[in-house]
PDB file of N, CA and C in Angstrom:
ATOM      1  N   MET A   1    -116.636 -21.743  71.189  1.00  0.00           N
ATOM      2  CA  MET A   1    -115.539 -22.116  70.316  1.00  0.00           C
ATOM      3  C   MET A   1    -114.367 -22.680  71.112  1.00  0.00           C
ATOM      4  N   LYS A   2    -114.659 -23.409  72.150  1.00  0.00           N
ATOM      5  CA  LYS A   2    -113.558 -23.914  72.960  1.00  0.00           C
ATOM      6  C   LYS A   2    -113.112 -25.307  72.548  1.00  0.00           C
ATOM      7  N   ASN A   3    -113.985 -26.068  71.870  1.00  0.00           N
ATOM      8  CA  ASN A   3    -113.640 -27.437  71.514  1.00  0.00           C
ATOM      9  C   ASN A   3    -113.466 -27.553  70.000  1.00  0.00           C
ATOM     10  N   ILE A   4    -112.357 -27.042  69.495  1.00  0.00           N
ATOM     11  CA  ILE A   4    -112.074 -27.115  68.065  1.00  0.00           C
ATOM     12  C   ILE A   4    -111.048 -28.215  67.852  1.00  0.00           C
ATOM     13  N   ASN A   5    -111.534 -29.371  67.406  1.00  0.00           N
ATOM     14  CA  ASN A   5    -110.645 -30.445  67.005  1.00  0.00           C
ATOM     15  C   ASN A   5    -111.339 -31.289  65.945  1.00  0.00           C
ATOM     16  N   PHE A   6    -110.650 -32.260  65.420  1.00  0.00           N
ATOM     17  CA  PHE A   6    -111.178 -33.032  64.301  1.00  0.00           C
ATOM     18  C   PHE A   6    -112.318 -33.962  64.702  1.00  0.00           C
ATOM     19  N   LYS A   7    -112.540 -34.172  65.990  1.00  0.00           N
ATOM     20  CA  LYS A   7    -113.605 -35.060  66.446  1.00  0.00           C
ATOM     21  C   LYS A   7    -114.969 -34.381  66.466  1.00  0.00           C
ATOM     22  N   ASN A   8    -114.992 -33.065  66.505  1.00  0.00           N
ATOM     23  CA  ASN A   8    -116.232 -32.304  66.586  1.00  0.00           C
ATOM     24  C   ASN A   8    -116.735 -31.995  65.170  1.00  0.00           C
ATOM     25  N   LEU A   9    -117.357 -32.987  64.532  1.00  0.00           N
ATOM     26  CA  LEU A   9    -117.744 -32.876  63.125  1.00  0.00           C
ATOM     27  C   LEU A   9    -118.883 -31.889  62.908  1.00  0.00           C
ATOM     28  N   ASN A  10    -119.813 -31.811  63.837  1.00  0.00           N
ATOM     29  CA  ASN A  10    -120.947 -30.893  63.664  1.00  0.00           C
ATOM     30  C   ASN A  10    -120.495 -29.440  63.647  1.00  0.00           C
ATOM     31  N   LEU A  11    -119.533 -29.108  64.466  1.00  0.00           N
ATOM     32  CA  LEU A  11    -119.004 -27.743  64.468  1.00  0.00           C
ATOM     33  C   LEU A  11    -118.258 -27.445  63.167  1.00  0.00           C
ATOM     34  N   LEU A  12    -117.476 -28.393  62.698  1.00  0.00           N
ATOM     35  CA  LEU A  12    -116.685 -28.167  61.490  1.00  0.00           C
ATOM     36  C   LEU A  12    -117.555 -28.068  60.242  1.00  0.00           C
ATOM     37  N   LYS A  13    -118.698 -28.747  60.226  1.00  0.00           N
ATOM     38  CA  LYS A  13    -119.598 -28.672  59.067  1.00  0.00           C
ATOM     39  C   LYS A  13    -120.158 -27.273  58.878  1.00  0.00           C
ATOM     40  N   LYS A  14    -120.248 -26.507  59.956  1.00  0.00           N
ATOM     41  CA  LYS A  14    -120.751 -25.136  59.861  1.00  0.00           C
ATOM     42  C   LYS A  14    -119.799 -24.227  59.086  1.00  0.00           C
ATOM     43  N   PHE A  15    -118.545 -24.604  59.035  1.00  0.00           N
ATOM     44  CA  PHE A  15    -117.534 -23.790  58.367  1.00  0.00           C
ATOM     45  C   PHE A  15    -117.175 -24.324  56.991  1.00  0.00           C
ATOM     46  N   MET A  16    -118.039 -25.191  56.432  1.00  0.00           N
ATOM     47  CA  MET A  16    -117.832 -25.732  55.100  1.00  0.00           C
ATOM     48  C   MET A  16    -119.077 -25.475  54.266  1.00  0.00           C
ATOM     49  N   ASN A  17    -118.894 -25.320  52.956  1.00  0.00           N
ATOM     50  CA  ASN A  17    -120.049 -25.128  52.084  1.00  0.00           C
ATOM     51  C   ASN A  17    -120.535 -26.470  51.560  1.00  0.00           C
ATOM     52  N   ASN A  18    -121.454 -26.445  50.610  1.00  0.00           N
ATOM     53  CA  ASN A  18    -122.058 -27.675  50.099  1.00  0.00           C
ATOM     54  C   ASN A  18    -121.069 -28.564  49.356  1.00  0.00           C
ATOM     55  N   PHE A  19    -120.001 -27.979  48.847  1.00  0.00           N
ATOM     56  CA  PHE A  19    -119.000 -28.736  48.109  1.00  0.00           C
ATOM     57  C   PHE A  19    -117.822 -29.146  48.986  1.00  0.00           C
ATOM     58  N   PHE A  20    -117.990 -29.064  50.307  1.00  0.00           N
ATOM     59  CA  PHE A  20    -116.988 -29.425  51.301  1.00  0.00           C
ATOM     60  C   PHE A  20    -115.716 -28.584  51.190  1.00  0.00           C
ATOM     61  N   LYS A  21    -115.879 -27.355  50.763  1.00  0.00           N
ATOM     62  CA  LYS A  21    -114.762 -26.414  50.776  1.00  0.00           C
ATOM     63  C   LYS A  21    -114.849 -25.578  52.045  1.00  0.00           C
ATOM     64  N   ILE A  22    -113.711 -25.128  52.511  1.00  0.00           N
ATOM     65  CA  ILE A  22    -113.676 -24.307  53.721  1.00  0.00           C
ATOM     66  C   ILE A  22    -114.179 -22.907  53.367  1.00  0.00           C
ATOM     67  N   LYS A  23    -115.129 -22.418  54.148  1.00  0.00           N
ATOM     68  CA  LYS A  23    -115.673 -21.084  53.903  1.00  0.00           C
ATOM     69  C   LYS A  23    -114.640 -20.028  54.280  1.00  0.00           C
ATOM     70  N   PRO A  24    -114.687 -18.869  53.632  1.00  0.00           N
ATOM     71  CA  PRO A  24    -113.781 -17.792  54.025  1.00  0.00           C
ATOM     72  C   PRO A  24    -114.116 -17.272  55.422  1.00  0.00           C
ATOM     73  N   ARG A  25    -113.157 -16.608  55.997  1.00  0.00           N
ATOM     74  CA  ARG A  25    -113.290 -16.121  57.365  1.00  0.00           C
ATOM     75  C   ARG A  25    -114.325 -15.019  57.453  1.00  0.00           C
ATOM     76  N   LYS A  26    -115.167 -15.092  58.483  1.00  0.00           N
ATOM     77  CA  LYS A  26    -116.146 -14.047  58.743  1.00  0.00           C
ATOM     78  C   LYS A  26    -115.512 -13.001  59.649  1.00  0.00           C
ATOM     79  N   LYS A  27    -116.108 -11.849  59.733  1.00  0.00           N
ATOM     80  CA  LYS A  27    -115.536 -10.756  60.521  1.00  0.00           C
ATOM     81  C   LYS A  27    -115.576 -11.022  62.019  1.00  0.00           C
ATOM     82  N   ASN A  28    -116.522 -11.828  62.472  1.00  0.00           N
ATOM     83  CA  ASN A  28    -116.629 -12.068  63.905  1.00  0.00           C
ATOM     84  C   ASN A  28    -115.756 -13.230  64.386  1.00  0.00           C
ATOM     85  N   ILE A  29    -115.051 -13.892  63.481  1.00  0.00           N
ATOM     86  CA  ILE A  29    -114.167 -14.999  63.852  1.00  0.00           C
ATOM     87  C   ILE A  29    -112.724 -14.520  63.744  1.00  0.00           C
ATOM     88  N   LYS A  30    -111.955 -14.769  64.780  1.00  0.00           N
ATOM     89  CA  LYS A  30    -110.564 -14.338  64.789  1.00  0.00           C
ATOM     90  C   LYS A  30    -109.723 -15.236  63.895  1.00  0.00           C
ATOM     91  N   VAL A  31    -108.594 -14.705  63.453  1.00  0.00           N
ATOM     92  CA  VAL A  31    -107.703 -15.439  62.562  1.00  0.00           C
ATOM     93  C   VAL A  31    -107.165 -16.694  63.237  1.00  0.00           C
ATOM     94  N   LYS A  32    -106.862 -16.595  64.488  1.00  0.00           N
ATOM     95  CA  LYS A  32    -106.320 -17.731  65.239  1.00  0.00           C
ATOM     96  C   LYS A  32    -107.313 -18.896  65.278  1.00  0.00           C
ATOM     97  N   ILE A  33    -108.586 -18.572  65.475  1.00  0.00           N
ATOM     98  CA  ILE A  33    -109.614 -19.606  65.515  1.00  0.00           C
ATOM     99  C   ILE A  33    -109.843 -20.182  64.124  1.00  0.00           C
ATOM    100  N   GLN A  34    -109.829 -19.328  63.097  1.00  0.00           N
ATOM    101  CA  GLN A  34    -110.023 -19.807  61.728  1.00  0.00           C
ATOM    102  C   GLN A  34    -108.910 -20.762  61.320  1.00  0.00           C
ATOM    103  N   LYS A  35    -107.696 -20.507  61.752  1.00  0.00           N
ATOM    104  CA  LYS A  35    -106.582 -21.410  61.441  1.00  0.00           C
ATOM    105  C   LYS A  35    -106.764 -22.759  62.123  1.00  0.00           C
ATOM    106  N   LYS A  36    -107.256 -22.751  63.366  1.00  0.00           N
ATOM    107  CA  LYS A  36    -107.522 -24.011  64.062  1.00  0.00           C
ATOM    108  C   LYS A  36    -108.624 -24.791  63.357  1.00  0.00           C
ATOM    109  N   ILE A  37    -109.651 -24.091  62.902  1.00  0.00           N
ATOM    110  CA  ILE A  37    -110.754 -24.737  62.205  1.00  0.00           C
ATOM    111  C   ILE A  37    -110.282 -25.348  60.895  1.00  0.00           C
ATOM    112  N   SER A  38    -109.525 -24.592  60.119  1.00  0.00           N
ATOM    113  CA  SER A  38    -109.060 -25.117  58.831  1.00  0.00           C
ATOM    114  C   SER A  38    -108.102 -26.283  59.018  1.00  0.00           C
ATOM    115  N   LYS A  39    -107.283 -26.232  60.042  1.00  0.00           N
ATOM    116  CA  LYS A  39    -106.372 -27.346  60.318  1.00  0.00           C
ATOM    117  C   LYS A  39    -107.149 -28.595  60.727  1.00  0.00           C
ATOM    118  N   ALA A  40    -108.197 -28.428  61.538  1.00  0.00           N
ATOM    119  CA  ALA A  40    -109.013 -29.562  61.955  1.00  0.00           C
ATOM    120  C   ALA A  40    -109.760 -30.169  60.770  1.00  0.00           C
ATOM    121  N   ILE A  41    -110.230 -29.333  59.848  1.00  0.00           N
ATOM    122  CA  ILE A  41    -110.908 -29.835  58.651  1.00  0.00           C
ATOM    123  C   ILE A  41    -109.938 -30.623  57.784  1.00  0.00           C
ATOM    124  N   LYS A  42    -108.716 -30.147  57.664  1.00  0.00           N
ATOM    125  CA  LYS A  42    -107.717 -30.862  56.858  1.00  0.00           C
ATOM    126  C   LYS A  42    -107.358 -32.211  57.475  1.00  0.00           C
ATOM    127  N   VAL A  43    -107.338 -32.280  58.799  1.00  0.00           N
ATOM    128  CA  VAL A  43    -107.088 -33.564  59.473  1.00  0.00           C
ATOM    129  C   VAL A  43    -108.257 -34.509  59.220  1.00  0.00           C
ATOM    130  N   CYS A  44    -109.487 -33.990  59.269  1.00  0.00           N
ATOM    131  CA  CYS A  44    -110.665 -34.816  58.985  1.00  0.00           C
ATOM    132  C   CYS A  44    -110.632 -35.359  57.571  1.00  0.00           C
ATOM    133  N   ARG A  45    -110.189 -34.548  56.640  1.00  0.00           N
ATOM    134  CA  ARG A  45    -110.072 -35.024  55.259  1.00  0.00           C
ATOM    135  C   ARG A  45    -109.031 -36.121  55.155  1.00  0.00           C
ATOM    136  N   PHE A  46    -107.925 -35.957  55.832  1.00  0.00           N
ATOM    137  CA  PHE A  46    -106.857 -36.958  55.795  1.00  0.00           C
ATOM    138  C   PHE A  46    -107.327 -38.282  56.392  1.00  0.00           C
ATOM    139  N   LEU A  47    -108.137 -38.217  57.451  1.00  0.00           N
ATOM    140  CA  LEU A  47    -108.654 -39.417  58.101  1.00  0.00           C
ATOM    141  C   LEU A  47    -109.934 -39.942  57.446  1.00  0.00           C
ATOM    142  N   SER A  48    -110.342 -39.343  56.346  1.00  0.00           N
ATOM    143  CA  SER A  48    -111.530 -39.731  55.566  1.00  0.00           C
ATOM    144  C   SER A  48    -112.826 -39.545  56.342  1.00  0.00           C
ATOM    145  N   LEU A  49    -112.876 -38.600  57.250  1.00  0.00           N
ATOM    146  CA  LEU A  49    -114.127 -38.261  57.923  1.00  0.00           C
ATOM    147  C   LEU A  49    -114.942 -37.297  57.064  1.00  0.00           C
ATOM    148  N   PHE A  50    -114.263 -36.462  56.284  1.00  0.00           N
ATOM    149  CA  PHE A  50    -114.872 -35.577  55.302  1.00  0.00           C
ATOM    150  C   PHE A  50    -114.252 -35.862  53.948  1.00  0.00           C
ATOM    151  N   PRO A  51    -115.037 -35.759  52.880  1.00  0.00           N
ATOM    152  CA  PRO A  51    -114.433 -35.933  51.557  1.00  0.00           C
ATOM    153  C   PRO A  51    -113.687 -34.673  51.122  1.00  0.00           C
ATOM    154  N   TYR A  52    -112.766 -34.845  50.198  1.00  0.00           N
ATOM    155  CA  TYR A  52    -112.056 -33.697  49.646  1.00  0.00           C
ATOM    156  C   TYR A  52    -112.972 -32.933  48.698  1.00  0.00           C
ATOM    157  N   ILE A  53    -113.811 -33.671  47.954  1.00  0.00           N
ATOM    158  CA  ILE A  53    -114.750 -33.052  47.027  1.00  0.00           C
ATOM    159  C   ILE A  53    -116.119 -33.704  47.200  1.00  0.00           C
ATOM    160  N   ASN A  54    -117.152 -33.012  46.749  1.00  0.00           N
ATOM    161  CA  ASN A  54    -118.501 -33.557  46.800  1.00  0.00           C
ATOM    162  C   ASN A  54    -118.762 -34.334  45.519  1.00  0.00           C
ATOM    163  N   GLU A  55    -119.279 -35.532  45.659  1.00  0.00           N
ATOM    164  CA  GLU A  55    -119.547 -36.347  44.472  1.00  0.00           C
ATOM    165  C   GLU A  55    -121.017 -36.415  44.175  1.00  0.00           C
TER     166      GLU A  55
END
């Protein structure tokens, strides 16, 4: 979990469900890391790398 940024799409897809929503935090993931992941996903949505909703 050292490379959490908006460019690492394969890692971010693991934390999203089929409808491109951010999954809730698991017990083995720290809050600090979950915040970085959610922020990176939001940047990807803004840059149109991920859709906001599944069509």
